[in-house]
PDB file of N, CA and C in Angstrom:
ATOM      1  N   MET A   1      59.149  41.957  -4.516  1.00  0.00           N
ATOM      2  CA  MET A   1      58.755  42.453  -5.832  1.00  0.00           C
ATOM      3  C   MET A   1      57.289  42.882  -5.739  1.00  0.00           C
ATOM      4  N   ASP A   2      56.994  44.110  -6.105  1.00  0.00           N
ATOM      5  CA  ASP A   2      55.608  44.552  -6.024  1.00  0.00           C
ATOM      6  C   ASP A   2      54.842  44.096  -7.269  1.00  0.00           C
ATOM      7  N   ASN A   3      53.548  44.366  -7.265  1.00  0.00           N
ATOM      8  CA  ASN A   3      52.666  43.856  -8.313  1.00  0.00           C
ATOM      9  C   ASN A   3      53.043  44.380  -9.699  1.00  0.00           C
ATOM     10  N   SER A   4      53.402  45.647  -9.801  1.00  0.00           N
ATOM     11  CA  SER A   4      53.738  46.202 -11.114  1.00  0.00           C
ATOM     12  C   SER A   4      55.029  45.590 -11.654  1.00  0.00           C
ATOM     13  N   GLN A   5      55.991  45.324 -10.760  1.00  0.00           N
ATOM     14  CA  GLN A   5      57.223  44.670 -11.207  1.00  0.00           C
ATOM     15  C   GLN A   5      56.938  43.236 -11.663  1.00  0.00           C
ATOM     16  N   ASN A   6      56.056  42.569 -10.931  1.00  0.00           N
ATOM     17  CA  ASN A   6      55.687  41.203 -11.277  1.00  0.00           C
ATOM     18  C   ASN A   6      54.995  41.162 -12.641  1.00  0.00           C
ATOM     19  N   LEU A   7      54.083  42.087 -12.860  1.00  0.00           N
ATOM     20  CA  LEU A   7      53.384  42.148 -14.142  1.00  0.00           C
ATOM     21  C   LEU A   7      54.355  42.467 -15.274  1.00  0.00           C
ATOM     22  N   SER A   8      55.281  43.353 -15.018  1.00  0.00           N
ATOM     23  CA  SER A   8      56.273  43.716 -16.018  1.00  0.00           C
ATOM     24  C   SER A   8      57.144  42.505 -16.356  1.00  0.00           C
ATOM     25  N   TYR A   9      57.549  41.765 -15.338  1.00  0.00           N
ATOM     26  CA  TYR A   9      58.354  40.564 -15.540  1.00  0.00           C
ATOM     27  C   TYR A   9      57.587  39.546 -16.380  1.00  0.00           C
ATOM     28  N   GLN A  10      56.319  39.332 -16.021  1.00  0.00           N
ATOM     29  CA  GLN A  10      55.502  38.362 -16.749  1.00  0.00           C
ATOM     30  C   GLN A  10      55.306  38.793 -18.203  1.00  0.00           C
ATOM     31  N   ALA A  11      55.134  40.081 -18.422  1.00  0.00           N
ATOM     32  CA  ALA A  11      54.985  40.590 -19.785  1.00  0.00           C
ATOM     33  C   ALA A  11      56.260  40.352 -20.586  1.00  0.00           C
ATOM     34  N   GLY A  12      57.404  40.568 -19.950  1.00  0.00           N
ATOM     35  CA  GLY A  12      58.675  40.310 -20.617  1.00  0.00           C
ATOM     36  C   GLY A  12      58.844  38.842 -20.959  1.00  0.00           C
ATOM     37  N   GLN A  13      58.441  37.984 -20.039  1.00  0.00           N
ATOM     38  CA  GLN A  13      58.510  36.538 -20.280  1.00  0.00           C
ATOM     39  C   GLN A  13      57.622  36.156 -21.466  1.00  0.00           C
ATOM     40  N   ALA A  14      56.404  36.672 -21.471  1.00  0.00           N
ATOM     41  CA  ALA A  14      55.461  36.361 -22.553  1.00  0.00           C
ATOM     42  C   ALA A  14      56.003  36.859 -23.886  1.00  0.00           C
ATOM     43  N   LYS A  15      56.591  38.039 -23.893  1.00  0.00           N
ATOM     44  CA  LYS A  15      57.159  38.587 -25.125  1.00  0.00           C
ATOM     45  C   LYS A  15      58.293  37.703 -25.631  1.00  0.00           C
ATOM     46  N   GLY A  16      59.168  37.276 -24.747  1.00  0.00           N
ATOM     47  CA  GLY A  16      60.275  36.406 -25.138  1.00  0.00           C
ATOM     48  C   GLY A  16      59.790  35.082 -25.690  1.00  0.00           C
ATOM     49  N   GLN A  17      58.771  34.516 -25.061  1.00  0.00           N
ATOM     50  CA  GLN A  17      58.220  33.250 -25.535  1.00  0.00           C
ATOM     51  C   GLN A  17      57.563  33.418 -26.903  1.00  0.00           C
ATOM     52  N   ALA A  18      56.866  34.516 -27.089  1.00  0.00           N
ATOM     53  CA  ALA A  18      56.218  34.774 -28.379  1.00  0.00           C
ATOM     54  C   ALA A  18      57.260  34.961 -29.475  1.00  0.00           C
ATOM     55  N   GLN A  19      58.348  35.648 -29.165  1.00  0.00           N
ATOM     56  CA  GLN A  19      59.408  35.837 -30.157  1.00  0.00           C
ATOM     57  C   GLN A  19      60.039  34.500 -30.529  1.00  0.00           C
ATOM     58  N   GLU A  20      60.274  33.664 -29.545  1.00  0.00           N
ATOM     59  CA  GLU A  20      60.871  32.348 -29.811  1.00  0.00           C
ATOM     60  C   GLU A  20      59.929  31.500 -30.652  1.00  0.00           C
ATOM     61  N   LYS A  21      58.654  31.525 -30.343  1.00  0.00           N
ATOM     62  CA  LYS A  21      57.660  30.774 -31.106  1.00  0.00           C
ATOM     63  C   LYS A  21      57.633  31.276 -32.553  1.00  0.00           C
ATOM     64  N   GLY A  22      57.707  32.593 -32.724  1.00  0.00           N
ATOM     65  CA  GLY A  22      57.739  33.172 -34.071  1.00  0.00           C
ATOM     66  C   GLY A  22      58.975  32.739 -34.833  1.00  0.00           C
ATOM     67  N   ASN A  23      60.122  32.712 -34.150  1.00  0.00           N
ATOM     68  CA  ASN A  23      61.356  32.263 -34.797  1.00  0.00           C
ATOM     69  C   ASN A  23      61.256  30.801 -35.224  1.00  0.00           C
ATOM     70  N   GLN A  24      60.664  29.984 -34.389  1.00  0.00           N
ATOM     71  CA  GLN A  24      60.491  28.569 -34.719  1.00  0.00           C
ATOM     72  C   GLN A  24      59.586  28.411 -35.948  1.00  0.00           C
ATOM     73  N   MET A  25      58.528  29.189 -35.989  1.00  0.00           N
ATOM     74  CA  MET A  25      57.610  29.110 -37.132  1.00  0.00           C
ATOM     75  C   MET A  25      58.296  29.568 -38.418  1.00  0.00           C
ATOM     76  N   MET A  26      59.115  30.603 -38.319  1.00  0.00           N
ATOM     77  CA  MET A  26      59.847  31.078 -39.500  1.00  0.00           C
ATOM     78  C   MET A  26      60.846  30.026 -39.973  1.00  0.00           C
ATOM     79  N   ASP A  27      61.507  29.364 -39.040  1.00  0.00           N
ATOM     80  CA  ASP A  27      62.437  28.294 -39.408  1.00  0.00           C
ATOM     81  C   ASP A  27      61.705  27.160 -40.117  1.00  0.00           C
ATOM     82  N   ARG A  28      60.547  26.783 -39.590  1.00  0.00           N
ATOM     83  CA  ARG A  28      59.766  25.710 -40.222  1.00  0.00           C
ATOM     84  C   ARG A  28      59.333  26.116 -41.627  1.00  0.00           C
ATOM     85  N   ALA A  29      58.911  27.351 -41.783  1.00  0.00           N
ATOM     86  CA  ALA A  29      58.484  27.827 -43.099  1.00  0.00           C
ATOM     87  C   ALA A  29      59.657  27.829 -44.080  1.00  0.00           C
ATOM     88  N   ALA A  30      60.823  28.251 -43.620  1.00  0.00           N
ATOM     89  CA  ALA A  30      62.004  28.262 -44.482  1.00  0.00           C
ATOM     90  C   ALA A  30      62.387  26.845 -44.880  1.00  0.00           C
ATOM     91  N   ASN A  31      62.301  25.906 -43.945  1.00  0.00           N
ATOM     92  CA  ASN A  31      62.615  24.520 -44.249  1.00  0.00           C
ATOM     93  C   ASN A  31      61.626  23.933 -45.247  1.00  0.00           C
ATOM     94  N   ALA A  32      60.362  24.267 -45.090  1.00  0.00           N
ATOM     95  CA  ALA A  32      59.344  23.776 -46.018  1.00  0.00           C
ATOM     96  C   ALA A  32      59.572  24.339 -47.414  1.00  0.00           C
ATOM     97  N   ALA A  33      59.924  25.611 -47.494  1.00  0.00           N
ATOM     98  CA  ALA A  33      60.184  26.235 -48.798  1.00  0.00           C
ATOM     99  C   ALA A  33      61.403  25.601 -49.468  1.00  0.00           C
ATOM    100  N   GLN A  34      62.444  25.343 -48.707  1.00  0.00           N
ATOM    101  CA  GLN A  34      63.644  24.705 -49.259  1.00  0.00           C
ATOM    102  C   GLN A  34      63.317  23.302 -49.752  1.00  0.00           C
ATOM    103  N   SER A  35      62.537  22.577 -49.003  1.00  0.00           N
ATOM    104  CA  SER A  35      62.140  21.230 -49.406  1.00  0.00           C
ATOM    105  C   SER A  35      61.320  21.265 -50.695  1.00  0.00           C
ATOM    106  N   ALA A  36      60.419  22.234 -50.799  1.00  0.00           N
ATOM    107  CA  ALA A  36      59.609  22.377 -52.013  1.00  0.00           C
ATOM    108  C   ALA A  36      60.491  22.708 -53.216  1.00  0.00           C
ATOM    109  N   ARG A  37      61.476  23.593 -53.027  1.00  0.00           N
ATOM    110  CA  ARG A  37      62.395  23.931 -54.123  1.00  0.00           C
ATOM    111  C   ARG A  37      63.148  22.701 -54.597  1.00  0.00           C
ATOM    112  N   GLU A  38      63.632  21.913 -53.651  1.00  0.00           N
ATOM    113  CA  GLU A  38      64.394  20.715 -54.009  1.00  0.00           C
ATOM    114  C   GLU A  38      63.514  19.696 -54.728  1.00  0.00           C
ATOM    115  N   THR A  39      62.286  19.550 -54.262  1.00  0.00           N
ATOM    116  CA  THR A  39      61.356  18.621 -54.901  1.00  0.00           C
ATOM    117  C   THR A  39      61.049  19.057 -56.326  1.00  0.00           C
ATOM    118  N   MET A  40      60.815  20.338 -56.518  1.00  0.00           N
ATOM    119  CA  MET A  40      60.505  20.841 -57.855  1.00  0.00           C
ATOM    120  C   MET A  40      61.717  20.713 -58.785  1.00  0.00           C
ATOM    121  N   GLN A  41      62.900  20.962 -58.264  1.00  0.00           N
ATOM    122  CA  GLN A  41      64.104  20.837 -59.073  1.00  0.00           C
ATOM    123  C   GLN A  41      64.286  19.386 -59.509  1.00  0.00           C
ATOM    124  N   GLU A  42      64.066  18.465 -58.595  1.00  0.00           N
ATOM    125  CA  GLU A  42      64.198  17.045 -58.927  1.00  0.00           C
ATOM    126  C   GLU A  42      63.162  16.637 -59.964  1.00  0.00           C
ATOM    127  N   ALA A  43      61.935  17.127 -59.807  1.00  0.00           N
ATOM    128  CA  ALA A  43      60.882  16.805 -60.776  1.00  0.00           C
ATOM    129  C   ALA A  43      61.237  17.359 -62.147  1.00  0.00           C
ATOM    130  N   GLY A  44      61.782  18.549 -62.184  1.00  0.00           N
ATOM    131  CA  GLY A  44      62.189  19.147 -63.460  1.00  0.00           C
ATOM    132  C   GLY A  44      63.297  18.354 -64.120  1.00  0.00           C
ATOM    133  N   GLN A  45      64.234  17.879 -63.340  1.00  0.00           N
ATOM    134  CA  GLN A  45      65.327  17.082 -63.891  1.00  0.00           C
ATOM    135  C   GLN A  45      64.799  15.755 -64.446  1.00  0.00           C
ATOM    136  N   GLN A  46      63.842  15.163 -63.746  1.00  0.00           N
ATOM    137  CA  GLN A  46      63.252  13.918 -64.226  1.00  0.00           C
ATOM    138  C   GLN A  46      62.492  14.144 -65.532  1.00  0.00           C
ATOM    139  N   MET A  47      61.759  15.255 -65.608  1.00  0.00           N
ATOM    140  CA  MET A  47      61.020  15.567 -66.840  1.00  0.00           C
ATOM    141  C   MET A  47      61.987  15.807 -67.997  1.00  0.00           C
ATOM    142  N   GLN A  48      63.077  16.502 -67.723  1.00  0.00           N
ATOM    143  CA  GLN A  48      64.069  16.770 -68.763  1.00  0.00           C
ATOM    144  C   GLN A  48      64.676  15.460 -69.264  1.00  0.00           C
ATOM    145  N   ALA A  49      64.981  14.542 -68.361  1.00  0.00           N
ATOM    146  CA  ALA A  49      65.555  13.258 -68.749  1.00  0.00           C
ATOM    147  C   ALA A  49      64.560  12.453 -69.586  1.00  0.00           C
ATOM    148  N   LYS A  50      63.290  12.473 -69.204  1.00  0.00           N
ATOM    149  CA  LYS A  50      62.273  11.745 -69.968  1.00  0.00           C
ATOM    150  C   LYS A  50      62.094  12.352 -71.355  1.00  0.00           C
ATOM    151  N   ALA A  51      62.140  13.675 -71.434  1.00  0.00           N
ATOM    152  CA  ALA A  51      62.017  14.333 -72.738  1.00  0.00           C
ATOM    153  C   ALA A  51      63.207  13.967 -73.624  1.00  0.00           C
ATOM    154  N   GLN A  52      64.398  13.914 -73.044  1.00  0.00           N
ATOM    155  CA  GLN A  52      65.586  13.531 -73.809  1.00  0.00           C
ATOM    156  C   GLN A  52      65.472  12.082 -74.272  1.00  0.00           C
ATOM    157  N   ASP A  53      64.979  11.206 -73.407  1.00  0.00           N
ATOM    158  CA  ASP A  53      64.777   9.810 -73.788  1.00  0.00           C
ATOM    159  C   ASP A  53      63.771   9.696 -74.937  1.00  0.00           C
ATOM    160  N   ALA A  54      62.703  10.476 -74.873  1.00  0.00           N
ATOM    161  CA  ALA A  54      61.704  10.446 -75.939  1.00  0.00           C
ATOM    162  C   ALA A  54      62.293  10.954 -77.254  1.00  0.00           C
ATOM    163  N   THR A  55      63.086  12.011 -77.152  1.00  0.00           N
ATOM    164  CA  THR A  55      63.744  12.549 -78.350  1.00  0.00           C
ATOM    165  C   THR A  55      64.657  11.506 -78.971  1.00  0.00           C
ATOM    166  N   ASN A  56      65.427  10.839 -78.145  1.00  0.00           N
ATOM    167  CA  ASN A  56      66.330   9.804 -78.647  1.00  0.00           C
ATOM    168  C   ASN A  56      65.555   8.638 -79.245  1.00  0.00           C
ATOM    169  N   ALA A  57      64.411   8.276 -78.648  1.00  0.00           N
ATOM    170  CA  ALA A  57      63.596   7.187 -79.186  1.00  0.00           C
ATOM    171  C   ALA A  57      63.083   7.539 -80.571  1.00  0.00           C
ATOM    172  N   VAL A  58      62.645   8.785 -80.744  1.00  0.00           N
ATOM    173  CA  VAL A  58      62.155   9.220 -82.065  1.00  0.00           C
ATOM    174  C   VAL A  58      63.303   9.222 -83.063  1.00  0.00           C
ATOM    175  N   LYS A  59      64.454   9.723 -82.669  1.00  0.00           N
ATOM    176  CA  LYS A  59      65.610   9.741 -83.570  1.00  0.00           C
ATOM    177  C   LYS A  59      65.987   8.320 -83.962  1.00  0.00           C
ATOM    178  N   ASN A  60      65.984   7.407 -83.010  1.00  0.00           N
ATOM    179  CA  ASN A  60      66.329   6.019 -83.309  1.00  0.00           C
ATOM    180  C   ASN A  60      65.307   5.387 -84.242  1.00  0.00           C
ATOM    181  N   ALA A  61      64.035   5.685 -84.009  1.00  0.00           N
ATOM    182  CA  ALA A  61      62.977   5.107 -84.835  1.00  0.00           C
ATOM    183  C   ALA A  61      63.007   5.634 -86.256  1.00  0.00           C
ATOM    184  N   THR A  62      63.436   6.866 -86.418  1.00  0.00           N
ATOM    185  CA  THR A  62      63.440   7.481 -87.756  1.00  0.00           C
ATOM    186  C   THR A  62      64.816   7.388 -88.419  1.00  0.00           C
ATOM    187  N   GLY A  63      65.779   6.835 -87.714  1.00  0.00           N
ATOM    188  CA  GLY A  63      67.107   6.693 -88.291  1.00  0.00           C
ATOM    189  C   GLY A  63      67.935   7.960 -88.256  1.00  0.00           C
ATOM    190  N   LEU A  64      67.537   8.939 -87.479  1.00  0.00           N
ATOM    191  CA  LEU A  64      68.271  10.219 -87.415  1.00  0.00           C
ATOM    192  C   LEU A  64      69.373  10.194 -86.360  1.00  0.00           C
ATOM    193  N   ASN A  65      69.511   9.113 -85.641  1.00  0.00           N
ATOM    194  CA  ASN A  65      70.460   9.091 -84.530  1.00  0.00           C
ATOM    195  C   ASN A  65      71.737   8.343 -84.893  1.00  0.00           C
ATOM    196  N   LYS A  66      72.116   8.431 -86.170  1.00  0.00           N
ATOM    197  CA  LYS A  66      73.316   7.693 -86.614  1.00  0.00           C
ATOM    198  C   LYS A  66      74.531   8.562 -86.554  1.00  0.00           C
TER     199      LYS A  66
END
């Protein structure tokens, strides 16, 4: 293998490694985004439940929940 073929091979190897590294980073970013969505959804559900509990407490205190 002459020098130009060797350099070409090494360039191809570097390109493949860079593409794989980029794919890994994109996967990590997608996983982080999905985790954030799930966390926010759970927080929203908890807030909704607390608001409903507060509403029911007010109704019970004022006698409107009969």
